[in-house]
Every structure is written in structure tokens, then in C-alpha cells.
């Protein structure tokens, strides 16, 4: 019976669970930031490609 009492009162695993929760939150934040940054870079590169292609076709100064 004392084994179960000691097991019930043991708090050593609580810190590990808290660290795992913090790691999950930080990891999610990093993943969302990377996803949004990737979308911004994709949009920027697409705009740049369109601008370069329009200059080659029109033979005029870029308006981008």
C-alpha cells in the first residue's frame, strides 16, 4: 500500500509534462511562422517573375 501512496504523491513527472507542453507550443509557433514566411517569399518571387517577364515583353521601363 505504501508503494501506491508514494506513486500517487510523486511529482517528478510534472516538470517533464510542463516542458513537453512548452516545447509543443514553441514548436507550433515556429511551424506557423515558417509557413507564413514561405507564403510571403512565394508571393514575392511570383511578383518579381511577373515584373521581369513584363519588361522583356514590353521593352519599356519597369512599372513594378
Protein backbone atom coordinates (compact mmCIF):
# COMPACT_ATOMS: atom_id res chain seq x y z
CA UNK A 1 0.00 0.00 0.00
CA UNK A 2 2.86 2.41 0.68
CA UNK A 3 4.08 1.86 -2.88
CA UNK A 4 0.81 3.27 -4.26
CA UNK A 5 0.89 6.17 -1.78
CA UNK A 6 4.42 7.04 -2.86
CA UNK A 7 3.46 6.72 -6.51
CA UNK A 8 0.42 8.96 -6.01
CA UNK A 9 2.47 11.67 -4.26
CA UNK A 10 5.39 11.56 -6.70
CA UNK A 11 5.61 14.89 -8.56
CA UNK A 12 8.80 14.24 -10.57
CA UNK A 13 6.95 13.69 -13.84
CA UNK A 14 5.12 17.02 -13.63
CA UNK A 15 8.15 19.01 -14.76
CA UNK A 16 8.63 16.78 -17.79
CA UNK A 17 5.00 17.26 -18.79
CA UNK A 18 5.32 21.03 -18.45
CA UNK A 19 8.46 21.05 -20.59
CA UNK A 20 6.72 18.94 -23.21
CA UNK A 21 3.80 21.38 -23.30
CA UNK A 22 6.13 24.37 -23.67
CA UNK A 23 8.02 22.57 -26.42
CA UNK A 24 4.77 21.83 -28.26
CA UNK A 25 3.65 25.47 -28.05
CA UNK A 26 7.01 26.84 -29.20
CA UNK A 27 7.22 24.25 -31.98
CA UNK A 28 3.77 25.19 -33.23
CA UNK A 29 4.74 28.86 -33.26
CA UNK A 30 7.89 28.14 -35.25
CA UNK A 31 5.96 25.99 -37.73
CA UNK A 32 3.33 28.69 -38.27
CA UNK A 33 6.00 31.36 -38.72
CA UNK A 34 7.86 29.21 -41.26
CA UNK A 35 4.63 28.52 -43.15
CA UNK A 36 3.72 32.21 -43.33
CA UNK A 37 7.25 33.20 -44.30
CA UNK A 38 7.21 30.61 -47.07
CA UNK A 39 3.97 32.06 -48.43
CA UNK A 40 5.37 35.58 -48.34
CA UNK A 41 8.53 34.50 -50.17
CA UNK A 42 6.47 32.64 -52.77
CA UNK A 43 4.32 35.71 -53.40
CA UNK A 44 7.34 37.99 -53.62
CA UNK A 45 9.14 35.71 -56.06
CA UNK A 46 5.98 35.44 -58.18
CA UNK A 47 5.67 39.23 -58.33
CA UNK A 48 9.33 39.53 -59.27
CA UNK A 49 8.96 36.92 -62.01
CA UNK A 50 5.93 38.70 -63.44
CA UNK A 51 7.76 42.03 -63.39
CA UNK A 52 10.81 40.62 -65.16
CA UNK A 53 8.67 38.89 -67.78
CA UNK A 54 6.66 42.05 -68.47
CA UNK A 55 9.84 44.06 -69.01
CA UNK A 56 11.11 41.52 -71.52
CA UNK A 57 7.86 41.64 -73.49
CA UNK A 58 7.14 45.36 -73.48
CA UNK A 59 10.71 46.64 -73.94
CA UNK A 60 9.86 49.57 -71.68
CA UNK A 61 10.91 50.67 -68.23
CA UNK A 62 9.51 48.50 -65.48
CA UNK A 63 6.43 49.74 -63.64
CA UNK A 64 6.68 47.17 -60.87
